[in-house]
Amino acid sequence: MARLLSYLLHPLLMPTFTLWLALRIDPHLAYFITPEDRWKVLMMVALMTIAFPLTSALLLMRAGLVSNLEMPRRQERIGPYAMSLMYYGMTAYLLARTPLHPMAFSLFIGAAIALLFTTLITLRWKISAHMVGIGGCLGAIVALGQAHALNAFAPIAAIAVVAGALGTARLLASDHSPAQVYAGTALGFVSVLTAMLLTPALRF
């Protein structure tokens, strides 16, 4: 069950899931685009943050630079993280050119910042990327609730419970320590929350 939860809440899925959830609970984000165009944006984000990083990881695995997709060794994660950081930057660049509210753009700025620090930390220490992802999701919903006065208690509480379950799963299914789980959650939460509250008007 711990491994299943780790797969269902994989860090690759978190950016697309977070944007989907944000669009569902905050009408301000997609006020000027149609429901059909919202799905097009989500598909673009999924392509950039799921398909491209996964393909890159598979190529690295085929080249022998990564042992498997779980990347159990800390050193294996640096290359895939760096590639994903490039894809996150491209995603933010494309989102800045959509009619979405600027907070959708700053969400991915925050995600890129979290991934950058995750990559740097991984040079010396194995922080939990799963918890960075779920922490970022929680930070995004809290930021939207603060910025737009949303009644977001239910989704925030649900994400907090899921984050607790995921943290437990990572302790059971991997060699992460409690400190690595807590640090990952805090890094994702603070990075996305800060970016979304401080850079909502930033556009290219």
C-alpha atoms as a PDB file:
ATOM      1  CA  MET A   1       0.000   0.000   0.000  1.00  0.00           C
ATOM      2  CA  ALA A   2       2.872   2.366   0.780  1.00  0.00           C
ATOM      3  CA  ARG A   3       4.421   1.775  -2.654  1.00  0.00           C
ATOM      4  CA  LEU A   4       1.045   2.179  -4.374  1.00  0.00           C
ATOM      5  CA  LEU A   5       0.495   5.524  -2.658  1.00  0.00           C
ATOM      6  CA  SER A   6       4.010   6.594  -3.659  1.00  0.00           C
ATOM      7  CA  TYR A   7       3.215   5.790  -7.294  1.00  0.00           C
ATOM      8  CA  LEU A   8      -0.181   7.534  -7.252  1.00  0.00           C
ATOM      9  CA  LEU A   9       1.327  10.685  -5.726  1.00  0.00           C
ATOM     10  CA  HIS A  10       4.557  10.643  -7.702  1.00  0.00           C
ATOM     11  CA  PRO A  11       6.317  14.038  -7.971  1.00  0.00           C
ATOM     12  CA  LEU A  12       5.925  13.978 -11.760  1.00  0.00           C
ATOM     13  CA  LEU A  13       2.149  14.090 -11.363  1.00  0.00           C
ATOM     14  CA  MET A  14       2.005  16.888  -8.810  1.00  0.00           C
ATOM     15  CA  PRO A  15       2.308  19.973 -11.093  1.00  0.00           C
ATOM     16  CA  THR A  16      -0.540  18.847 -13.360  1.00  0.00           C
ATOM     17  CA  PHE A  17      -2.682  17.732 -10.428  1.00  0.00           C
ATOM     18  CA  THR A  18      -2.052  20.975  -8.549  1.00  0.00           C
ATOM     19  CA  LEU A  19      -3.005  23.134 -11.530  1.00  0.00           C
ATOM     20  CA  TRP A  20      -6.120  21.020 -12.145  1.00  0.00           C
ATOM     21  CA  LEU A  21      -7.155  21.376  -8.501  1.00  0.00           C
ATOM     22  CA  ALA A  22      -6.415  25.106  -8.518  1.00  0.00           C
ATOM     23  CA  LEU A  23      -8.593  25.595 -11.605  1.00  0.00           C
ATOM     24  CA  ARG A  24     -11.381  23.631  -9.931  1.00  0.00           C
ATOM     25  CA  ILE A  25     -11.502  25.615  -6.700  1.00  0.00           C
ATOM     26  CA  ASP A  26     -10.566  29.115  -7.902  1.00  0.00           C
ATOM     27  CA  PRO A  27     -12.715  30.664 -10.679  1.00  0.00           C
ATOM     28  CA  HIS A  28     -10.327  33.631 -10.922  1.00  0.00           C
ATOM     29  CA  LEU A  29      -7.564  31.575 -12.552  1.00  0.00           C
ATOM     30  CA  ALA A  30      -9.354  30.729 -15.789  1.00  0.00           C
ATOM     31  CA  TYR A  31     -11.983  33.466 -15.945  1.00  0.00           C
ATOM     32  CA  PHE A  32     -11.093  34.468 -19.527  1.00  0.00           C
ATOM     33  CA  ILE A  33     -10.773  31.031 -21.144  1.00  0.00           C
ATOM     34  CA  THR A  34     -13.299  28.355 -22.036  1.00  0.00           C
ATOM     35  CA  PRO A  35     -13.490  24.939 -20.328  1.00  0.00           C
ATOM     36  CA  GLU A  36     -12.128  23.369 -23.520  1.00  0.00           C
ATOM     37  CA  ASP A  37      -9.107  25.662 -23.457  1.00  0.00           C
ATOM     38  CA  ARG A  38      -8.533  24.823 -19.795  1.00  0.00           C
ATOM     39  CA  TRP A  39      -8.106  21.179 -20.768  1.00  0.00           C
ATOM     40  CA  LYS A  40      -5.704  22.187 -23.523  1.00  0.00           C
ATOM     41  CA  VAL A  41      -3.602  24.037 -20.965  1.00  0.00           C
ATOM     42  CA  LEU A  42      -3.664  21.030 -18.644  1.00  0.00           C
ATOM     43  CA  MET A  43      -2.605  18.735 -21.484  1.00  0.00           C
ATOM     44  CA  MET A  44       0.258  21.073 -22.303  1.00  0.00           C
ATOM     45  CA  VAL A  45       1.363  21.075 -18.669  1.00  0.00           C
ATOM     46  CA  ALA A  46       1.116  17.271 -18.510  1.00  0.00           C
ATOM     47  CA  LEU A  47       3.223  16.954 -21.647  1.00  0.00           C
ATOM     48  CA  MET A  48       5.911  19.287 -20.301  1.00  0.00           C
ATOM     49  CA  THR A  49       6.030  18.050 -16.698  1.00  0.00           C
ATOM     50  CA  ILE A  50       5.141  14.351 -17.032  1.00  0.00           C
ATOM     51  CA  ALA A  51       5.821  13.055 -20.541  1.00  0.00           C
ATOM     52  CA  PHE A  52       9.068  14.936 -21.220  1.00  0.00           C
ATOM     53  CA  PRO A  53      10.733  14.251 -17.829  1.00  0.00           C
ATOM     54  CA  LEU A  54       9.647  10.594 -17.941  1.00  0.00           C
ATOM     55  CA  THR A  55      11.063  10.188 -21.439  1.00  0.00           C
ATOM     56  CA  SER A  56      14.323  11.787 -20.332  1.00  0.00           C
ATOM     57  CA  ALA A  57      14.531   9.450 -17.320  1.00  0.00           C
ATOM     58  CA  LEU A  58      13.917   6.413 -19.543  1.00  0.00           C
ATOM     59  CA  LEU A  59      16.693   7.532 -21.898  1.00  0.00           C
ATOM     60  CA  LEU A  60      19.057   7.976 -18.950  1.00  0.00           C
ATOM     61  CA  MET A  61      18.088   4.518 -17.696  1.00  0.00           C
ATOM     62  CA  ARG A  62      18.774   3.017 -21.110  1.00  0.00           C
ATOM     63  CA  ALA A  63      22.171   4.736 -21.112  1.00  0.00           C
ATOM     64  CA  GLY A  64      22.948   3.156 -17.755  1.00  0.00           C
ATOM     65  CA  LEU A  65      23.070   6.452 -15.866  1.00  0.00           C
ATOM     66  CA  VAL A  66      19.928   5.629 -13.869  1.00  0.00           C
ATOM     67  CA  SER A  67      19.312   2.164 -12.394  1.00  0.00           C
ATOM     68  CA  ASN A  68      15.497   2.381 -12.389  1.00  0.00           C
ATOM     69  CA  LEU A  69      12.717   4.952 -12.320  1.00  0.00           C
ATOM     70  CA  GLU A  70      12.690   5.029  -8.512  1.00  0.00           C
ATOM     71  CA  MET A  71      16.323   6.266  -8.586  1.00  0.00           C
ATOM     72  CA  PRO A  72      17.206   4.888  -5.148  1.00  0.00           C
ATOM     73  CA  ARG A  73      20.703   6.394  -5.122  1.00  0.00           C
ATOM     74  CA  ARG A  74      20.994  10.102  -4.446  1.00  0.00           C
ATOM     75  CA  GLN A  75      23.520  10.682  -7.248  1.00  0.00           C
ATOM     76  CA  GLU A  76      21.144   9.231  -9.855  1.00  0.00           C
ATOM     77  CA  ARG A  77      18.576  11.939  -9.226  1.00  0.00           C
ATOM     78  CA  ILE A  78      20.663  14.972 -10.121  1.00  0.00           C
ATOM     79  CA  GLY A  79      20.506  14.554 -13.920  1.00  0.00           C
ATOM     80  CA  PRO A  80      16.743  13.923 -14.110  1.00  0.00           C
ATOM     81  CA  TYR A  81      16.086  16.802 -11.690  1.00  0.00           C
ATOM     82  CA  ALA A  82      18.166  19.181 -13.812  1.00  0.00           C
ATOM     83  CA  MET A  83      16.278  18.153 -16.960  1.00  0.00           C
ATOM     84  CA  SER A  84      12.937  18.540 -15.217  1.00  0.00           C
ATOM     85  CA  LEU A  85      13.978  22.001 -14.070  1.00  0.00           C
ATOM     86  CA  MET A  86      14.420  22.998 -17.714  1.00  0.00           C
ATOM     87  CA  TYR A  87      10.957  21.643 -18.550  1.00  0.00           C
ATOM     88  CA  TYR A  88       9.427  23.525 -15.607  1.00  0.00           C
ATOM     89  CA  GLY A  89      10.972  26.745 -16.845  1.00  0.00           C
ATOM     90  CA  MET A  90       9.551  26.135 -20.316  1.00  0.00           C
ATOM     91  CA  THR A  91       6.127  25.445 -18.794  1.00  0.00           C
ATOM     92  CA  ALA A  92       6.180  28.715 -16.848  1.00  0.00           C
ATOM     93  CA  TYR A  93       7.219  30.550 -20.029  1.00  0.00           C
ATOM     94  CA  LEU A  94       4.275  29.080 -21.965  1.00  0.00           C
ATOM     95  CA  LEU A  95       1.785  29.718 -19.144  1.00  0.00           C
ATOM     96  CA  ALA A  96       2.829  33.369 -19.075  1.00  0.00           C
ATOM     97  CA  ARG A  97       1.433  33.613 -22.605  1.00  0.00           C
ATOM     98  CA  THR A  98      -2.001  32.224 -21.789  1.00  0.00           C
ATOM     99  CA  PRO A  99      -5.019  34.202 -20.521  1.00  0.00           C
ATOM    100  CA  LEU A 100      -4.762  32.418 -17.171  1.00  0.00           C
ATOM    101  CA  HIS A 101      -4.433  34.513 -14.036  1.00  0.00           C
ATOM    102  CA  PRO A 102      -0.766  35.362 -13.272  1.00  0.00           C
ATOM    103  CA  MET A 103      -0.922  33.161 -10.162  1.00  0.00           C
ATOM    104  CA  ALA A 104      -0.984  30.108 -12.433  1.00  0.00           C
ATOM    105  CA  PHE A 105       2.321  31.300 -13.874  1.00  0.00           C
ATOM    106  CA  SER A 106       3.780  32.027 -10.429  1.00  0.00           C
ATOM    107  CA  LEU A 107       2.711  28.548  -9.288  1.00  0.00           C
ATOM    108  CA  PHE A 108       5.224  27.093 -11.730  1.00  0.00           C
ATOM    109  CA  ILE A 109       7.830  29.656 -10.772  1.00  0.00           C
ATOM    110  CA  GLY A 110       7.457  28.339  -7.226  1.00  0.00           C
ATOM    111  CA  ALA A 111       7.623  24.741  -8.444  1.00  0.00           C
ATOM    112  CA  ALA A 112      10.799  25.527 -10.393  1.00  0.00           C
ATOM    113  CA  ILE A 113      12.338  27.179  -7.323  1.00  0.00           C
ATOM    114  CA  ALA A 114      11.467  24.127  -5.207  1.00  0.00           C
ATOM    115  CA  LEU A 115      12.987  21.814  -7.816  1.00  0.00           C
ATOM    116  CA  LEU A 116      16.121  23.958  -8.055  1.00  0.00           C
ATOM    117  CA  PHE A 117      16.685  23.749  -4.296  1.00  0.00           C
ATOM    118  CA  THR A 118      15.844  20.034  -4.369  1.00  0.00           C
ATOM    119  CA  THR A 119      18.549  19.528  -6.996  1.00  0.00           C
ATOM    120  CA  LEU A 120      21.113  21.541  -5.035  1.00  0.00           C
ATOM    121  CA  ILE A 121      20.299  19.753  -1.780  1.00  0.00           C
ATOM    122  CA  THR A 122      20.520  16.377  -3.534  1.00  0.00           C
ATOM    123  CA  LEU A 123      24.169  17.080  -4.306  1.00  0.00           C
ATOM    124  CA  ARG A 124      24.848  16.420  -0.599  1.00  0.00           C
ATOM    125  CA  TRP A 125      21.671  14.994   0.951  1.00  0.00           C
ATOM    126  CA  LYS A 126      18.706  12.864  -0.142  1.00  0.00           C
ATOM    127  CA  ILE A 127      15.645  15.049   0.404  1.00  0.00           C
ATOM    128  CA  SER A 128      12.209  13.545  -0.342  1.00  0.00           C
ATOM    129  CA  ALA A 129      11.016  14.703  -3.771  1.00  0.00           C
ATOM    130  CA  HIS A 130       7.584  13.166  -3.110  1.00  0.00           C
ATOM    131  CA  MET A 131       7.129  15.454  -0.134  1.00  0.00           C
ATOM    132  CA  VAL A 132       8.415  18.476  -2.055  1.00  0.00           C
ATOM    133  CA  GLY A 133       5.640  17.795  -4.572  1.00  0.00           C
ATOM    134  CA  ILE A 134       2.786  17.398  -2.095  1.00  0.00           C
ATOM    135  CA  GLY A 135       4.105  20.304  -0.025  1.00  0.00           C
ATOM    136  CA  GLY A 136       4.021  22.490  -3.130  1.00  0.00           C
ATOM    137  CA  CYS A 137       0.433  21.433  -3.814  1.00  0.00           C
ATOM    138  CA  LEU A 138      -0.547  22.417  -0.270  1.00  0.00           C
ATOM    139  CA  GLY A 139       1.292  25.731  -0.592  1.00  0.00           C
ATOM    140  CA  ALA A 140      -0.508  26.531  -3.849  1.00  0.00           C
ATOM    141  CA  ILE A 141      -3.984  26.007  -2.399  1.00  0.00           C
ATOM    142  CA  VAL A 142      -3.148  27.985   0.744  1.00  0.00           C
ATOM    143  CA  ALA A 143      -1.833  30.837  -1.436  1.00  0.00           C
ATOM    144  CA  LEU A 144      -4.997  30.902  -3.549  1.00  0.00           C
ATOM    145  CA  GLY A 145      -7.150  30.910  -0.431  1.00  0.00           C
ATOM    146  CA  GLN A 146      -5.185  33.844   0.990  1.00  0.00           C
ATOM    147  CA  ALA A 147      -5.034  35.860  -2.241  1.00  0.00           C
ATOM    148  CA  HIS A 148      -8.640  35.443  -3.344  1.00  0.00           C
ATOM    149  CA  ALA A 149     -10.414  34.969  -0.012  1.00  0.00           C
ATOM    150  CA  LEU A 150     -11.531  31.457  -0.913  1.00  0.00           C
ATOM    151  CA  ASN A 151     -13.140  29.028   1.493  1.00  0.00           C
ATOM    152  CA  ALA A 152     -10.419  26.450   0.897  1.00  0.00           C
ATOM    153  CA  PHE A 153     -10.517  24.708   4.285  1.00  0.00           C
ATOM    154  CA  ALA A 154     -11.788  21.390   2.889  1.00  0.00           C
ATOM    155  CA  PRO A 155      -9.150  20.952   0.133  1.00  0.00           C
ATOM    156  CA  ILE A 156      -6.381  22.198   2.447  1.00  0.00           C
ATOM    157  CA  ALA A 157      -7.401  19.712   5.152  1.00  0.00           C
ATOM    158  CA  ALA A 158      -7.656  16.893   2.608  1.00  0.00           C
ATOM    159  CA  ILE A 159      -4.222  17.625   1.163  1.00  0.00           C
ATOM    160  CA  ALA A 160      -2.730  17.811   4.670  1.00  0.00           C
ATOM    161  CA  VAL A 161      -4.135  14.367   5.495  1.00  0.00           C
ATOM    162  CA  VAL A 162      -2.876  12.947   2.189  1.00  0.00           C
ATOM    163  CA  ALA A 163       0.541  14.519   2.819  1.00  0.00           C
ATOM    164  CA  GLY A 164       0.698  12.786   6.193  1.00  0.00           C
ATOM    165  CA  ALA A 165      -0.164   9.456   4.586  1.00  0.00           C
ATOM    166  CA  LEU A 166       2.405  10.000   1.842  1.00  0.00           C
ATOM    167  CA  GLY A 167       5.098  10.907   4.362  1.00  0.00           C
ATOM    168  CA  THR A 168       4.388   7.682   6.242  1.00  0.00           C
ATOM    169  CA  ALA A 169       4.473   5.775   2.956  1.00  0.00           C
ATOM    170  CA  ARG A 170       7.873   7.229   2.071  1.00  0.00           C
ATOM    171  CA  LEU A 171       9.265   6.169   5.438  1.00  0.00           C
ATOM    172  CA  LEU A 172       7.956   2.633   4.894  1.00  0.00           C
ATOM    173  CA  ALA A 173       8.717   2.213   1.188  1.00  0.00           C
ATOM    174  CA  SER A 174      12.074   3.963   0.890  1.00  0.00           C
ATOM    175  CA  ASP A 175      15.211   4.726   2.851  1.00  0.00           C
ATOM    176  CA  HIS A 176      14.140   8.297   3.662  1.00  0.00           C
ATOM    177  CA  SER A 177      14.523   9.551   7.201  1.00  0.00           C
ATOM    178  CA  PRO A 178      11.884  11.633   9.020  1.00  0.00           C
ATOM    179  CA  ALA A 179      14.109  14.715   8.592  1.00  0.00           C
ATOM    180  CA  GLN A 180      14.178  14.221   4.800  1.00  0.00           C
ATOM    181  CA  VAL A 181      10.384  13.892   4.730  1.00  0.00           C
ATOM    182  CA  TYR A 182       9.833  17.011   6.847  1.00  0.00           C
ATOM    183  CA  ALA A 183      12.412  19.014   4.908  1.00  0.00           C
ATOM    184  CA  GLY A 184      10.819  18.086   1.580  1.00  0.00           C
ATOM    185  CA  THR A 185       7.365  19.132   2.749  1.00  0.00           C
ATOM    186  CA  ALA A 186       8.623  22.456   4.081  1.00  0.00           C
ATOM    187  CA  LEU A 187      10.659  23.203   0.950  1.00  0.00           C
ATOM    188  CA  GLY A 188       7.749  22.596  -1.426  1.00  0.00           C
ATOM    189  CA  PHE A 189       5.248  24.462   0.730  1.00  0.00           C
ATOM    190  CA  VAL A 190       7.368  27.569   1.323  1.00  0.00           C
ATOM    191  CA  SER A 191       8.654  27.816  -2.272  1.00  0.00           C
ATOM    192  CA  VAL A 192       5.243  27.691  -3.948  1.00  0.00           C
ATOM    193  CA  LEU A 193       3.405  29.724  -1.294  1.00  0.00           C
ATOM    194  CA  THR A 194       6.011  32.501  -1.407  1.00  0.00           C
ATOM    195  CA  ALA A 195       6.182  32.618  -5.203  1.00  0.00           C
ATOM    196  CA  MET A 196       2.408  32.764  -5.587  1.00  0.00           C
ATOM    197  CA  LEU A 197       1.933  35.485  -2.982  1.00  0.00           C
ATOM    198  CA  LEU A 198       4.875  37.640  -4.017  1.00  0.00           C
ATOM    199  CA  THR A 199       4.989  37.334  -7.828  1.00  0.00           C
ATOM    200  CA  PRO A 200       1.343  37.252  -9.044  1.00  0.00           C
ATOM    201  CA  ALA A 201       1.930  40.141 -11.473  1.00  0.00           C
ATOM    202  CA  LEU A 202       5.182  38.819 -12.958  1.00  0.00           C
ATOM    203  CA  ARG A 203       4.812  38.105 -16.682  1.00  0.00           C
ATOM    204  CA  PHE A 204       7.310  37.760 -19.544  1.00  0.00           C
END
